[in-house]
Amino acid sequence: MSSSVYMEELDAFTYRDRVAGGAPVLIPAGSIEQHGPHMPLSVDVLLSRKMAGTVAEATGCLVAAPIVYGYKSQQRSGGGNHLTGSTGLDAATVIAIARTQVLELARHGVRQVAFVNGHYENYQFLYEGADLAIRELRHDGITDMKVLLLSYWDFVDDAAIAELYPDGFPGWDLEHGGVLETSLMLLLHPDLVDMTRVADIPPAQLPSYDVLPARPEITPPSGCLSSGAAATAEKGQILLDRASAGMVAAIRGEFGM
């Protein structure tokens, strides 16, 4: 019997037995989105999957195959969907994917699900999909489904932020391609990071509103909204430890583990 926490690495019979034993399922939610010249388009997928795996190993959860494409990149949090490589889904599609995944897991017998979100723009649409699924399940007589929505950066506490950003924290929306993601990638996927290509820039100066269609000139040429030059694998370890510990606590508390 495989000991992997990743659903797609299990045979169907092992998966069935673990679900029958009450294992919650974590769904990583990422995107295909530019992350500057120094990191790949798959950063959000890679990090959400690894975060979910770390949490699963500590809790006995399983990890579903990740949502690879996410909601459209926004200029004030991801550089914008006008940038080549960023491949965004419409809101209705993200909602439908989240809804369908919850319904399918419920059909398997799963009753505790958590989305582990790694793409800032996904959150509200994952929420809507989960809400619609729970309503539908209740109409079918299934009233014990519970869904959590976790964005891993929300579990990085103020003490960690002060340690990681001694010169000031730009805010999570401007951390696209910055210290957080670059440090985690240096820790978890160092072969996919080229620090010689990091754009060492000040935090982007963006308006406090959105404009449609996008104005390409307000996005920094690198696509990053802050610099990843100060990123290190050691900072990545701090981020992984704090974020995963917070998510483990939330899952144990909400799922009664």
Protein backbone atom coordinates (compact mmCIF):
# COMPACT_ATOMS: atom_id res chain seq x y z
CA MET A 1 0.00 0.00 0.00
CA SER A 2 1.42 3.38 -0.98
CA SER A 3 2.13 5.79 1.87
CA SER A 4 1.85 8.88 -0.34
CA VAL A 5 -0.49 11.67 0.74
CA TYR A 6 -1.09 12.64 -2.90
CA MET A 7 -4.32 11.26 -4.35
CA GLU A 8 -3.01 10.94 -7.90
CA GLU A 9 -0.13 8.74 -6.70
CA LEU A 10 -2.49 6.23 -5.04
CA ASP A 11 -4.32 3.33 -6.61
CA ALA A 12 -8.10 3.61 -6.47
CA PHE A 13 -8.47 0.91 -3.81
CA THR A 14 -5.98 2.48 -1.39
CA TYR A 15 -7.64 5.84 -1.94
CA ARG A 16 -11.07 4.30 -1.26
CA ASP A 17 -9.85 2.76 1.99
CA ARG A 18 -8.39 6.03 3.24
CA VAL A 19 -11.56 7.93 2.44
CA ALA A 20 -13.62 5.24 4.17
CA GLY A 21 -11.38 5.76 7.19
CA GLY A 22 -12.44 9.41 7.34
CA ALA A 23 -9.43 11.15 5.78
CA PRO A 24 -10.15 14.81 4.89
CA VAL A 25 -9.03 15.94 1.43
CA LEU A 26 -7.02 19.10 0.69
CA ILE A 27 -7.35 20.70 -2.76
CA PRO A 28 -4.37 22.84 -3.85
CA ALA A 29 -5.51 25.79 -5.97
CA GLY A 30 -2.94 27.57 -8.11
CA SER A 31 -2.66 29.31 -11.46
CA ILE A 32 -0.51 29.60 -14.55
CA GLU A 33 0.79 33.13 -14.18
CA GLN A 34 3.98 35.03 -14.89
CA HIS A 35 6.26 35.42 -11.86
CA GLY A 36 8.94 37.62 -13.34
CA PRO A 37 12.03 36.53 -15.26
CA HIS A 38 13.44 34.45 -12.41
CA MET A 39 10.65 31.90 -11.76
CA PRO A 40 8.34 29.64 -13.79
CA LEU A 41 4.69 30.17 -14.66
CA SER A 42 3.70 27.30 -12.35
CA VAL A 43 4.79 28.88 -9.03
CA ASP A 44 1.27 29.03 -7.56
CA VAL A 45 0.58 25.39 -8.44
CA LEU A 46 3.90 24.15 -7.08
CA LEU A 47 3.65 26.05 -3.80
CA SER A 48 0.01 25.28 -3.05
CA ARG A 49 0.63 21.57 -3.71
CA LYS A 50 3.69 21.48 -1.46
CA MET A 51 1.93 23.44 1.29
CA ALA A 52 -0.98 21.01 1.13
CA GLY A 53 1.41 18.04 1.21
CA THR A 54 3.20 19.36 4.27
CA VAL A 55 -0.11 19.86 6.08
CA ALA A 56 -1.37 16.43 5.00
CA GLU A 57 1.71 14.69 6.35
CA ALA A 58 1.07 16.29 9.75
CA THR A 59 -2.66 15.59 9.88
CA GLY A 60 -3.41 12.40 7.95
CA CYS A 61 -5.26 14.27 5.20
CA LEU A 62 -5.04 13.40 1.52
CA VAL A 63 -4.12 15.90 -1.21
CA ALA A 64 -6.19 16.02 -4.39
CA ALA A 65 -4.63 16.79 -7.74
CA PRO A 66 -4.22 20.59 -7.93
CA ILE A 67 -6.34 23.14 -9.71
CA VAL A 68 -3.76 24.25 -12.26
CA TYR A 69 -5.45 27.24 -13.89
CA GLY A 70 -6.89 30.01 -11.71
CA TYR A 71 -8.81 33.25 -11.96
CA LYS A 72 -7.41 36.04 -14.14
CA SER A 73 -4.34 37.86 -12.84
CA GLN A 74 -5.14 41.37 -11.61
CA GLN A 75 -2.78 44.31 -12.05
CA ARG A 76 -2.80 45.21 -8.34
CA SER A 77 -1.99 41.69 -7.13
CA GLY A 78 -0.45 39.71 -10.00
CA GLY A 79 0.75 42.16 -12.63
CA GLY A 80 -2.28 41.69 -14.86
CA ASN A 81 -3.70 39.14 -17.25
CA HIS A 82 -2.43 41.17 -20.22
CA LEU A 83 1.08 39.80 -19.60
CA THR A 84 2.13 36.95 -21.85
CA GLY A 85 2.08 33.60 -20.07
CA SER A 86 -0.58 34.51 -17.53
CA THR A 87 -3.51 32.29 -18.51
CA GLY A 88 -6.64 33.14 -16.57
CA LEU A 89 -10.05 31.51 -16.31
CA ASP A 90 -13.32 33.42 -16.07
CA ALA A 91 -14.96 33.54 -12.64
CA ALA A 92 -17.77 31.20 -13.68
CA THR A 93 -15.24 28.56 -14.69
CA VAL A 94 -13.32 28.72 -11.39
CA ILE A 95 -16.61 28.56 -9.48
CA ALA A 96 -17.69 25.55 -11.53
CA ILE A 97 -14.39 23.74 -10.94
CA ALA A 98 -14.54 24.31 -7.17
CA ARG A 99 -18.20 23.27 -7.01
CA THR A 100 -17.59 20.13 -9.06
CA GLN A 101 -14.56 19.08 -7.03
CA VAL A 102 -16.49 19.33 -3.76
CA LEU A 103 -19.40 17.38 -5.25
CA GLU A 104 -17.12 14.68 -6.64
CA LEU A 105 -15.30 14.25 -3.33
CA ALA A 106 -18.66 14.04 -1.58
CA ARG A 107 -19.65 11.29 -4.02
CA HIS A 108 -16.50 9.41 -2.98
CA GLY A 109 -17.62 9.64 0.64
CA VAL A 110 -15.40 12.55 1.72
CA ARG A 111 -17.06 14.88 4.24
CA GLN A 112 -14.20 17.25 5.12
CA VAL A 113 -12.50 19.31 2.41
CA ALA A 114 -10.07 22.23 2.51
CA PHE A 115 -8.90 24.33 -0.40
CA VAL A 116 -5.24 25.34 0.02
CA ASN A 117 -5.06 28.46 -2.11
CA GLY A 118 -1.81 29.67 -3.64
CA HIS A 119 -3.21 32.33 -6.02
CA TYR A 120 -4.46 35.58 -4.50
CA GLU A 121 -7.24 36.10 -7.05
CA ASN A 122 -8.85 32.67 -6.61
CA TYR A 123 -10.31 33.08 -3.16
CA GLN A 124 -13.83 34.43 -3.63
CA PHE A 125 -14.55 32.10 -6.53
CA LEU A 126 -13.42 29.04 -4.58
CA TYR A 127 -15.72 30.26 -1.80
CA GLU A 128 -18.67 30.58 -4.17
CA GLY A 129 -18.10 27.14 -5.67
CA ALA A 130 -17.89 25.53 -2.24
CA ASP A 131 -21.02 27.34 -1.08
CA LEU A 132 -23.00 26.19 -4.12
CA ALA A 133 -21.82 22.61 -3.63
CA ILE A 134 -22.86 22.57 0.03
CA ARG A 135 -26.31 23.93 -0.88
CA GLU A 136 -26.72 21.23 -3.52
CA LEU A 137 -25.58 18.48 -1.17
CA ARG A 138 -28.06 19.62 1.48
CA HIS A 139 -30.88 19.35 -1.07
CA ASP A 140 -29.72 15.76 -1.62
CA GLY A 141 -29.82 15.03 2.10
CA ILE A 142 -26.06 15.28 2.77
CA THR A 143 -25.77 17.75 5.62
CA ASP A 144 -22.39 16.89 7.13
CA MET A 145 -20.05 18.25 4.42
CA LYS A 146 -17.62 20.90 5.75
CA VAL A 147 -15.26 22.99 3.59
CA LEU A 148 -12.40 25.25 4.69
CA LEU A 149 -10.73 27.90 2.53
CA LEU A 150 -7.09 28.52 3.42
CA SER A 151 -4.71 30.94 1.71
CA TYR A 152 -1.31 29.98 3.09
CA TRP A 153 0.03 33.54 3.48
CA ASP A 154 -2.81 34.34 5.91
CA PHE A 155 -1.05 32.09 8.44
CA VAL A 156 2.26 33.98 8.42
CA ASP A 157 2.16 35.88 11.71
CA ASP A 158 3.40 39.37 12.55
CA ALA A 159 6.55 38.03 14.23
CA ALA A 160 7.54 36.18 11.07
CA ILE A 161 6.79 39.23 8.92
CA ALA A 162 9.04 41.39 11.11
CA GLU A 163 11.82 38.79 10.81
CA LEU A 164 11.47 38.36 7.05
CA TYR A 165 10.97 42.01 6.09
CA PRO A 166 13.27 44.09 8.35
CA ASP A 167 13.05 47.02 5.93
CA GLY A 168 9.26 47.04 5.82
CA PHE A 169 6.51 44.77 4.53
CA PRO A 170 4.95 45.79 1.19
CA GLY A 171 1.70 43.86 1.82
CA TRP A 172 0.59 40.49 0.47
CA ASP A 173 -0.95 41.97 -2.67
CA LEU A 174 2.45 43.41 -3.69
CA GLU A 175 4.32 40.22 -2.80
CA HIS A 176 3.76 38.81 -6.28
CA GLY A 177 7.16 37.48 -7.39
CA GLY A 178 8.73 38.95 -4.26
CA VAL A 179 10.41 37.64 -1.12
CA LEU A 180 7.65 35.22 -0.06
CA GLU A 181 7.25 33.26 -3.28
CA THR A 182 10.91 33.43 -4.25
CA SER A 183 12.06 32.22 -0.82
CA LEU A 184 9.61 29.31 -0.86
CA MET A 185 10.71 28.36 -4.36
CA LEU A 186 14.39 28.53 -3.32
CA LEU A 187 13.57 26.11 -0.52
CA LEU A 188 11.24 23.74 -2.36
CA HIS A 189 12.22 23.99 -6.04
CA PRO A 190 15.65 25.68 -6.20
CA ASP A 191 16.34 24.23 -9.64
CA LEU A 192 13.49 26.36 -11.03
CA VAL A 193 14.78 29.71 -9.71
CA ASP A 194 17.41 31.88 -11.42
CA MET A 195 18.46 34.54 -8.92
CA THR A 196 20.69 36.21 -11.52
CA ARG A 197 17.48 37.36 -13.24
CA VAL A 198 15.68 38.83 -10.22
CA ALA A 199 14.31 42.31 -10.82
CA ASP A 200 15.63 44.37 -7.88
CA ILE A 201 12.91 47.02 -7.83
CA PRO A 202 11.05 49.07 -5.22
CA PRO A 203 7.47 48.03 -4.46
CA ALA A 204 5.16 48.96 -7.31
CA GLN A 205 3.25 52.24 -7.06
CA LEU A 206 -0.26 51.32 -8.14
CA PRO A 207 -3.57 53.20 -7.98
CA SER A 208 -6.10 52.29 -5.31
CA TYR A 209 -8.62 51.29 -7.97
CA ASP A 210 -8.86 49.05 -11.03
CA VAL A 211 -9.02 50.14 -14.67
CA LEU A 212 -10.52 48.16 -17.55
CA PRO A 213 -9.05 47.52 -20.01
CA ALA A 214 -5.71 47.15 -18.23
CA ARG A 215 -3.14 49.93 -18.55
CA PRO A 216 0.08 47.98 -19.22
CA GLU A 217 2.29 50.94 -18.34
CA ILE A 218 1.39 50.78 -14.63
CA THR A 219 2.74 47.24 -14.23
CA PRO A 220 6.53 47.08 -13.70
CA PRO A 221 8.30 45.69 -16.80
CA SER A 222 9.35 42.58 -14.86
CA GLY A 223 5.76 41.72 -13.95
CA CYS A 224 6.82 41.53 -10.29
CA LEU A 225 5.21 43.93 -7.83
CA SER A 226 8.11 43.88 -5.36
CA SER A 227 11.66 42.59 -5.35
CA GLY A 228 12.68 39.03 -4.61
CA ALA A 229 16.35 39.98 -4.30
CA ALA A 230 16.35 39.49 -0.51
CA ALA A 231 14.85 36.00 -0.77
CA THR A 232 16.67 33.02 0.72
CA ALA A 233 15.91 29.36 1.29
CA GLU A 234 16.20 30.04 5.03
CA LYS A 235 13.37 32.57 4.79
CA GLY A 236 11.44 29.99 2.79
CA GLN A 237 11.78 27.53 5.67
CA ILE A 238 10.40 30.09 8.12
CA LEU A 239 7.46 30.74 5.80
CA LEU A 240 6.77 27.04 5.26
CA ASP A 241 6.96 26.27 8.98
CA ARG A 242 4.70 29.15 10.09
CA ALA A 243 2.12 28.79 7.32
CA SER A 244 1.86 25.01 7.58
CA ALA A 245 1.63 25.11 11.39
CA GLY A 246 -1.22 27.60 11.20
CA MET A 247 -3.09 25.53 8.64
CA VAL A 248 -2.56 22.34 10.63
CA ALA A 249 -4.07 24.03 13.69
CA ALA A 250 -7.05 25.29 11.69
CA ILE A 251 -7.71 21.87 10.16
CA ARG A 252 -7.39 20.02 13.44
CA GLY A 253 -9.68 22.50 15.16
CA GLU A 254 -12.38 22.64 12.48
CA PHE A 255 -12.29 18.96 11.56
CA GLY A 256 -11.99 17.66 15.14
CA MET A 257 -8.73 15.85 14.52
